[in-house]
Every structure is written in structure tokens, then in C-alpha cells.
Amino acid sequence: MKNWVIFLWIAFLVAIDQGSEVWARRTLLMGHPRPVVGSILMVHLLFNQGAMLGLGSRYPAIVLWVGLVMTTGLLIAVFRVPSYRWPLATMAGGALGNVISRLIYGRVTDFIQLRGYPGIFNLSDVALRAGVVWLIVVLLFGRAGSHQKG
């Protein structure tokens, strides 16, 4: 698989996250959740200086630095561990989207709320979690793509 395809995937994930955050900031009002699918899926604007569930929100600089280090590690791993390139790239795209928001705005814009799920999140968070699940599946059930060279 060519490296440019991986770069394109990461850029796509960052673009949809950043675009959706712009949409949320321009369209939604704080404290006024709107149903999308009944009460199961809502859009609910929230600004988060912390990590997941607001953890570390009193220390946004530390959250940013941890995010930068983790994103850098993921990006390095994408190109050094070809067997797990796609799930790692998905995680890296999500992490990079959140880091970019923190660098530009000092916070991320969260707006997706699912009934029964703690917290409000954004599309970068979805990519991060999807990448983690994908990596776990690959680790447990096989090394999809281990025969490919990068």
C-alpha cells in the first residue's frame, strides 16, 4: 500500500472532524440539545479543554502535550508497523483532529450525544475509538494486511 493513501485517509479523518466542529460551533447553541434520532442520538454543543469526559480540564496544557506526544507516536507507528497500519492511521487521524482543535482553539468542540453513553464527543473521538476496536480485532483474530509492504 502506498504511503500517500494512508496520508489521504488521515487527512480525510481530520477534515471531517474539523468541518463537523465548525458546523457545530456555527449551528448549535450551548445548553440546547437537539434530537437527531429521537432521544437516542442528540447534538449538544460542549467545549472541552480536557480529555475524554473532561478529565484533566483544569490542566489544558498537559492535555495538549500528552495529545501531541501520543499523536506523534501513532504517526510513527503507522509507518513502522505495516501489519497494523490502517487501525493505527484511524487512531492517528482522530488524535490529530483533537490536537489541531486544541492548538487553534485551546479546546475541542464536542457535540454528539448517545443515550446511555457517558459524555458528549466529536468525530475525532469516534475515529480514535474505531481505530482502537479495529486494532483489538486484528490483534485477536489475525494480522490482516501483514503480508502487505508499505
Protein backbone atom coordinates (compact mmCIF):
# COMPACT_ATOMS: atom_id res chain seq x y z
CA MET A 1 0.00 0.00 0.00
CA LYS A 2 1.33 3.40 -0.93
CA ASN A 3 2.06 5.87 1.87
CA TRP A 4 0.05 8.62 0.15
CA VAL A 5 -3.14 6.56 0.58
CA ILE A 6 -2.51 6.43 4.33
CA PHE A 7 -1.82 10.18 4.40
CA LEU A 8 -5.05 10.75 2.46
CA TRP A 9 -7.02 8.64 4.98
CA ILE A 10 -5.59 10.57 7.93
CA ALA A 11 -6.26 13.90 6.17
CA PHE A 12 -9.84 12.80 5.42
CA LEU A 13 -10.48 11.96 9.08
CA VAL A 14 -9.03 15.30 10.21
CA ALA A 15 -11.07 17.19 7.59
CA ILE A 16 -14.41 15.63 8.54
CA ASP A 17 -13.68 16.27 12.21
CA GLN A 18 -12.66 19.88 11.71
CA GLY A 19 -15.57 20.52 9.34
CA SER A 20 -18.08 18.99 11.73
CA GLU A 21 -16.70 21.06 14.62
CA VAL A 22 -17.09 24.26 12.54
CA TRP A 23 -20.65 23.20 11.73
CA ALA A 24 -21.39 22.56 15.42
CA ARG A 25 -19.98 25.92 16.56
CA ARG A 26 -21.97 27.79 13.89
CA THR A 27 -25.23 25.86 14.20
CA LEU A 28 -25.74 24.66 17.77
CA LEU A 29 -26.40 26.61 20.94
CA MET A 30 -24.85 25.70 24.29
CA GLY A 31 -27.41 24.16 26.63
CA HIS A 32 -29.92 23.45 23.83
CA PRO A 33 -29.60 19.81 22.76
CA ARG A 34 -31.37 18.87 19.54
CA PRO A 35 -32.68 15.40 18.73
CA VAL A 36 -31.39 13.73 15.58
CA VAL A 37 -32.82 10.25 16.13
CA GLY A 38 -35.45 10.65 18.83
CA SER A 39 -33.78 10.64 22.22
CA ILE A 40 -31.18 8.07 21.10
CA LEU A 41 -28.90 10.45 19.19
CA MET A 42 -28.72 14.14 20.01
CA VAL A 43 -26.47 17.02 19.02
CA HIS A 44 -25.45 19.00 22.06
CA LEU A 45 -22.73 21.66 21.92
CA LEU A 46 -19.99 21.43 24.53
CA PHE A 47 -16.46 22.82 24.66
CA ASN A 48 -13.92 20.57 26.32
CA GLN A 49 -10.43 21.59 27.43
CA GLY A 50 -9.82 18.18 28.95
CA ALA A 51 -9.53 14.68 27.60
CA MET A 52 -12.38 12.16 27.46
CA LEU A 53 -15.22 13.07 29.81
CA GLY A 54 -13.42 16.31 30.65
CA LEU A 55 -10.60 14.57 32.50
CA GLY A 56 -7.74 16.99 33.07
CA SER A 57 -9.78 20.03 32.05
CA ARG A 58 -8.04 22.06 34.75
CA TYR A 59 -4.72 21.33 33.01
CA PRO A 60 -5.28 22.01 29.29
CA ALA A 61 -1.56 22.47 28.57
CA ILE A 62 -0.81 18.98 29.92
CA VAL A 63 -3.71 17.51 27.93
CA LEU A 64 -2.33 19.21 24.80
CA TRP A 65 1.23 17.94 25.37
CA VAL A 66 0.05 14.40 26.07
CA GLY A 67 -2.04 14.59 22.90
CA LEU A 68 0.95 15.81 20.88
CA VAL A 69 3.18 13.01 22.19
CA MET A 70 0.53 10.33 21.61
CA THR A 71 -0.28 11.62 18.11
CA THR A 72 3.41 11.68 17.20
CA GLY A 73 3.80 8.11 18.47
CA LEU A 74 0.78 6.95 16.48
CA LEU A 75 2.04 8.63 13.30
CA ILE A 76 5.44 6.98 13.69
CA ALA A 77 3.80 3.60 14.34
CA VAL A 78 1.63 3.93 11.22
CA PHE A 79 4.75 3.74 9.06
CA ARG A 80 6.83 1.39 11.20
CA VAL A 81 4.22 -1.30 11.87
CA PRO A 82 2.68 -2.13 8.48
CA SER A 83 0.62 -5.02 9.88
CA TYR A 84 -1.50 -2.57 11.85
CA ARG A 85 -1.21 0.45 9.56
CA TRP A 86 -4.94 1.05 8.96
CA PRO A 87 -6.21 0.89 12.54
CA LEU A 88 -3.22 2.95 13.71
CA ALA A 89 -3.86 5.51 10.95
CA THR A 90 -7.50 5.73 12.02
CA MET A 91 -6.42 6.37 15.60
CA ALA A 92 -3.81 8.89 14.41
CA GLY A 93 -6.40 10.77 12.34
CA GLY A 94 -8.68 11.05 15.35
CA ALA A 95 -5.87 12.10 17.67
CA LEU A 96 -4.59 14.67 15.17
CA GLY A 97 -8.05 16.19 14.77
CA ASN A 98 -8.28 16.77 18.52
CA VAL A 99 -4.72 18.12 18.72
CA ILE A 100 -5.42 20.60 15.92
CA SER A 101 -8.54 21.85 17.72
CA ARG A 102 -6.58 22.27 20.95
CA LEU A 103 -3.79 24.16 19.15
CA ILE A 104 -6.17 26.50 17.31
CA TYR A 105 -8.97 26.98 19.87
CA GLY A 106 -7.49 25.73 23.14
CA ARG A 107 -10.27 23.13 23.35
CA VAL A 108 -12.22 20.62 21.32
CA THR A 109 -15.81 21.06 20.23
CA ASP A 110 -17.89 18.09 21.31
CA PHE A 111 -21.45 17.72 20.05
CA ILE A 112 -22.51 14.08 19.67
CA GLN A 113 -24.55 12.59 22.49
CA LEU A 114 -25.79 8.99 22.56
CA ARG A 115 -28.32 7.84 25.10
CA GLY A 116 -26.66 5.52 27.60
CA TYR A 117 -23.14 6.62 26.67
CA PRO A 118 -21.35 8.82 29.19
CA GLY A 119 -20.28 12.17 27.89
CA ILE A 120 -20.52 14.13 24.68
CA PHE A 121 -17.93 13.59 21.96
CA ASN A 122 -16.87 14.54 18.42
CA LEU A 123 -15.89 12.74 15.22
CA SER A 124 -12.21 12.61 16.20
CA ASP A 125 -13.25 10.64 19.26
CA VAL A 126 -15.24 8.29 17.02
CA ALA A 127 -12.16 7.72 14.83
CA LEU A 128 -9.97 7.12 17.89
CA ARG A 129 -12.35 4.55 19.34
CA ALA A 130 -12.98 2.88 15.97
CA GLY A 131 -9.22 2.55 15.48
CA VAL A 132 -8.80 1.01 18.92
CA VAL A 133 -11.59 -1.51 18.30
CA TRP A 134 -10.17 -2.29 14.85
CA LEU A 135 -6.70 -2.84 16.32
CA ILE A 136 -8.08 -5.14 19.03
CA VAL A 137 -9.97 -7.18 16.43
CA VAL A 138 -6.86 -7.51 14.27
CA LEU A 139 -4.74 -8.47 17.28
CA LEU A 140 -7.25 -11.08 18.44
CA PHE A 141 -8.30 -12.60 15.13
CA GLY A 142 -5.42 -12.21 12.76
CA ARG A 143 -2.94 -9.94 11.18
CA ALA A 144 -4.93 -8.56 8.29
CA GLY A 145 -2.53 -6.82 5.98
CA SER A 146 0.65 -8.32 7.47
CA HIS A 147 1.62 -9.57 4.03
CA GLN A 148 1.47 -6.06 2.53
CA LYS A 149 4.51 -3.87 2.14
CA GLY A 150 4.24 -0.14 2.56
